[in-house]
């Protein structure tokens, strides 16, 4: 697999998100709305959540996520974002200022970790990576790592002081971890990108941070 590009989601690229999320599995009904809502404001309605994400993409002053495209020779698809070859959307990551993810800042366990670090949860310069989607059949090919790297660069270019994540420590799990469980990302992917553990909310759920001010 040759990864062609990772690009910000835009209104023009929203149909690529639709293709990637598909009609089965968590992305097809959540539409990356869980962490931007709280309590009863979260609905398990595919139609509602899809509309919310579309509205967020259309009204955003900055990208709310990134899409990974991979070359797929002989697929017959039109030329991709770079204008050369055919592509298919294979991955997604949601990233943005942490205060925009109200379920993150409202989580008691995550708040306790932040307080222990004297980390102001209202600081708009701290960004969070919350959700990954990698297309079935394209996993274990470095797509999540590429998306995380691109998310960090987007945060850096936007003036962020740090990026945080709450991934799954696969190595610490006593049972096999299915691909659908890794929507938070894998701790090993974050570690390889330079993130450090600053706390945890459980034996297999580290809180990881990458400072961008050094």
Protein backbone atom coordinates (compact mmCIF):
# COMPACT_ATOMS: atom_id res chain seq x y z
CA UNK A 1 0.00 0.00 0.00
CA UNK A 2 1.28 3.40 -0.94
CA UNK A 3 -0.20 6.17 1.19
CA UNK A 4 -0.88 9.04 -1.16
CA UNK A 5 -1.96 11.85 1.13
CA UNK A 6 -3.56 12.94 4.37
CA UNK A 7 -5.75 15.99 3.96
CA UNK A 8 -8.07 18.14 6.09
CA UNK A 9 -11.75 17.31 5.79
CA UNK A 10 -13.59 20.00 3.85
CA UNK A 11 -17.18 20.27 2.60
CA UNK A 12 -15.90 19.10 -0.81
CA UNK A 13 -14.35 15.99 0.78
CA UNK A 14 -17.27 15.10 3.02
CA UNK A 15 -18.52 12.41 0.65
CA UNK A 16 -15.16 10.69 1.13
CA UNK A 17 -15.94 10.56 4.85
CA UNK A 18 -19.35 9.09 4.00
CA UNK A 19 -17.69 6.39 1.90
CA UNK A 20 -15.16 5.61 4.62
CA UNK A 21 -17.68 5.41 7.48
CA UNK A 22 -19.94 3.17 5.42
CA UNK A 23 -23.20 1.65 6.60
CA UNK A 24 -22.00 -0.87 9.20
CA UNK A 25 -20.09 -0.58 12.45
CA UNK A 26 -19.73 2.24 14.97
CA UNK A 27 -18.59 4.99 12.57
CA UNK A 28 -21.75 4.57 10.47
CA UNK A 29 -24.01 5.60 13.33
CA UNK A 30 -21.74 7.64 15.63
CA UNK A 31 -20.25 9.90 12.96
CA UNK A 32 -17.61 11.04 15.46
CA UNK A 33 -20.14 12.81 17.69
CA UNK A 34 -19.60 11.02 21.00
CA UNK A 35 -16.83 13.25 22.35
CA UNK A 36 -18.33 16.55 21.19
CA UNK A 37 -21.52 15.87 23.13
CA UNK A 38 -22.38 15.07 26.72
CA UNK A 39 -25.19 13.31 28.53
CA UNK A 40 -28.50 13.18 26.72
CA UNK A 41 -27.26 15.42 23.90
CA UNK A 42 -25.67 12.34 22.31
CA UNK A 43 -28.08 10.47 20.04
CA UNK A 44 -27.66 6.96 18.64
CA UNK A 45 -29.16 8.10 15.37
CA UNK A 46 -27.12 7.73 12.20
CA UNK A 47 -29.15 10.34 10.35
CA UNK A 48 -28.89 12.88 13.15
CA UNK A 49 -25.19 12.34 13.77
CA UNK A 50 -24.28 12.39 10.09
CA UNK A 51 -26.07 15.71 9.73
CA UNK A 52 -24.24 17.09 12.78
CA UNK A 53 -20.84 16.14 11.40
CA UNK A 54 -21.69 17.61 8.00
CA UNK A 55 -22.75 20.85 9.69
CA UNK A 56 -19.56 20.90 11.76
CA UNK A 57 -17.41 20.45 8.67
CA UNK A 58 -19.29 23.14 6.74
CA UNK A 59 -19.21 25.73 9.53
CA UNK A 60 -15.71 25.08 10.87
CA UNK A 61 -13.05 27.77 10.75
CA UNK A 62 -10.42 25.02 11.07
CA UNK A 63 -10.47 21.34 10.06
CA UNK A 64 -12.34 19.08 12.49
CA UNK A 65 -10.54 16.01 11.17
CA UNK A 66 -8.17 14.57 8.61
CA UNK A 67 -8.70 11.96 5.89
CA UNK A 68 -6.09 9.49 4.66
CA UNK A 69 -6.13 8.48 1.00
CA UNK A 70 -4.27 5.49 -0.39
CA UNK A 71 -3.32 4.65 -3.94
CA UNK A 72 -5.33 1.79 -5.33
CA UNK A 73 -3.96 0.89 -8.78
CA UNK A 74 -6.51 -0.28 -11.31
CA UNK A 75 -9.49 0.70 -9.18
CA UNK A 76 -10.94 2.93 -11.87
CA UNK A 77 -11.45 5.74 -9.37
CA UNK A 78 -10.82 9.30 -10.55
CA UNK A 79 -7.54 11.02 -9.81
CA UNK A 80 -6.97 11.67 -6.14
CA UNK A 81 -6.23 14.90 -4.25
CA UNK A 82 -2.72 15.14 -5.66
CA UNK A 83 -4.03 14.79 -9.20
CA UNK A 84 -2.09 11.62 -9.93
CA UNK A 85 -3.38 8.07 -9.80
CA UNK A 86 -6.59 6.73 -8.31
CA UNK A 87 -7.27 6.79 -4.58
CA UNK A 88 -9.65 5.55 -1.95
CA UNK A 89 -10.32 7.06 1.50
CA UNK A 90 -8.88 4.64 4.05
CA UNK A 91 -8.62 6.50 7.34
CA UNK A 92 -9.90 9.32 9.51
CA UNK A 93 -8.82 11.04 12.70
CA UNK A 94 -10.68 13.64 14.73
CA UNK A 95 -8.52 16.33 16.29
CA UNK A 96 -8.99 19.79 17.71
CA UNK A 97 -8.70 21.98 20.80
CA UNK A 98 -9.46 19.84 23.83
CA UNK A 99 -12.19 22.16 25.22
CA UNK A 100 -14.26 21.38 22.10
CA UNK A 101 -14.55 17.76 23.29
CA UNK A 102 -16.93 18.22 26.21
CA UNK A 103 -17.09 14.53 27.04
CA UNK A 104 -13.30 14.53 27.47
CA UNK A 105 -13.18 17.61 29.70
CA UNK A 106 -16.21 16.39 31.64
CA UNK A 107 -14.83 12.90 32.35
CA UNK A 108 -13.99 12.61 36.05
CA UNK A 109 -11.06 10.25 35.59
CA UNK A 110 -9.52 12.41 32.89
CA UNK A 111 -10.11 15.52 34.98
CA UNK A 112 -8.25 13.92 37.88
CA UNK A 113 -5.24 13.22 35.65
CA UNK A 114 -5.28 16.79 34.35
CA UNK A 115 -5.53 18.26 37.85
CA UNK A 116 -2.59 16.15 39.01
CA UNK A 117 -0.55 17.65 36.17
CA UNK A 118 -1.80 21.22 36.83
CA UNK A 119 -3.22 21.01 33.33
CA UNK A 120 -5.96 23.58 32.67
CA UNK A 121 -8.78 21.78 30.83
CA UNK A 122 -10.00 25.10 29.48
CA UNK A 123 -6.71 25.81 27.72
CA UNK A 124 -7.54 26.12 24.01
CA UNK A 125 -3.88 25.60 23.10
CA UNK A 126 -3.99 21.98 24.24
CA UNK A 127 -5.40 19.80 21.47
CA UNK A 128 -6.82 16.29 21.69
CA UNK A 129 -6.91 13.34 19.34
CA UNK A 130 -10.09 11.42 20.10
CA UNK A 131 -11.10 9.02 17.32
CA UNK A 132 -9.54 6.97 14.57
CA UNK A 133 -11.28 5.09 11.78
CA UNK A 134 -9.28 2.79 9.51
CA UNK A 135 -11.06 1.01 6.69
CA UNK A 136 -11.44 -2.76 7.03
CA UNK A 137 -8.84 -4.43 4.86
CA UNK A 138 -6.38 -1.56 5.30
CA UNK A 139 -5.48 -2.02 8.95
CA UNK A 140 -1.96 -2.79 10.21
CA UNK A 141 -0.46 -0.76 7.37
CA UNK A 142 0.65 2.32 9.27
CA UNK A 143 -2.41 4.40 8.44
CA UNK A 144 -3.22 5.28 12.07
CA UNK A 145 0.41 6.28 12.63
CA UNK A 146 0.30 8.51 9.56
CA UNK A 147 -2.94 10.10 10.71
CA UNK A 148 -1.55 10.76 14.19
CA UNK A 149 1.56 12.38 12.75
CA UNK A 150 -0.55 14.59 10.51
CA UNK A 151 -2.82 15.51 13.43
CA UNK A 152 0.21 16.59 15.46
CA UNK A 153 1.45 18.72 12.57
CA UNK A 154 -1.97 20.34 12.17
CA UNK A 155 -2.00 21.15 15.88
CA UNK A 156 1.54 22.54 15.70
CA UNK A 157 0.73 24.71 12.68
CA UNK A 158 -2.36 25.99 14.51
CA UNK A 159 -0.29 27.15 17.50
CA UNK A 160 -1.06 24.30 19.88
CA UNK A 161 1.18 23.91 22.91
CA UNK A 162 0.48 20.20 23.34
CA UNK A 163 -1.53 17.27 22.02
CA UNK A 164 -3.13 14.65 24.27
CA UNK A 165 -4.71 11.26 23.68
CA UNK A 166 -6.34 8.48 25.68
CA UNK A 167 -5.38 5.34 23.74
CA UNK A 168 -5.61 1.64 24.52
CA UNK A 169 -2.53 -0.19 25.80
CA UNK A 170 -2.91 -3.33 23.73
CA UNK A 171 0.13 -5.01 25.32
CA UNK A 172 -1.46 -4.71 28.76
CA UNK A 173 -4.68 -6.40 27.71
CA UNK A 174 -5.12 -10.05 28.64
CA UNK A 175 -7.56 -10.61 25.79
CA UNK A 176 -7.37 -9.90 22.09
CA UNK A 177 -8.28 -6.36 21.10
CA UNK A 178 -10.57 -6.09 18.10
CA UNK A 179 -10.06 -3.40 15.50
CA UNK A 180 -13.31 -1.69 16.47
CA UNK A 181 -12.02 -1.22 20.04
CA UNK A 182 -9.06 0.81 18.85
CA UNK A 183 -10.98 3.89 17.83
CA UNK A 184 -9.07 5.73 20.59
CA UNK A 185 -5.81 4.57 18.98
CA UNK A 186 -3.12 2.24 20.32
CA UNK A 187 -0.70 3.38 23.01
CA UNK A 188 2.21 2.00 20.98
CA UNK A 189 1.29 4.30 18.09
CA UNK A 190 1.29 7.33 20.39
CA UNK A 191 4.57 6.29 22.01
CA UNK A 192 6.23 5.92 18.61
CA UNK A 193 5.14 9.49 17.81
CA UNK A 194 6.87 10.80 20.94
CA UNK A 195 3.91 10.95 23.32
CA UNK A 196 4.62 10.24 27.00
CA UNK A 197 2.34 8.74 29.64
CA UNK A 198 1.19 11.40 32.13
CA UNK A 199 -1.37 9.31 33.99
CA UNK A 200 -3.98 6.63 33.48
CA UNK A 201 -7.65 5.93 33.99
CA UNK A 202 -7.13 2.16 34.23
CA UNK A 203 -4.58 -0.58 33.74
CA UNK A 204 -4.95 -0.49 29.96
CA UNK A 205 -5.91 3.17 29.42
CA UNK A 206 -2.95 5.57 29.70
CA UNK A 207 -3.33 9.29 29.19
CA UNK A 208 -0.57 10.41 26.84
CA UNK A 209 0.77 13.86 25.97
CA UNK A 210 3.16 15.40 23.49
CA UNK A 211 4.46 18.87 24.35
CA UNK A 212 5.04 21.06 21.30
CA UNK A 213 6.75 23.97 23.02
CA UNK A 214 10.26 22.48 23.17
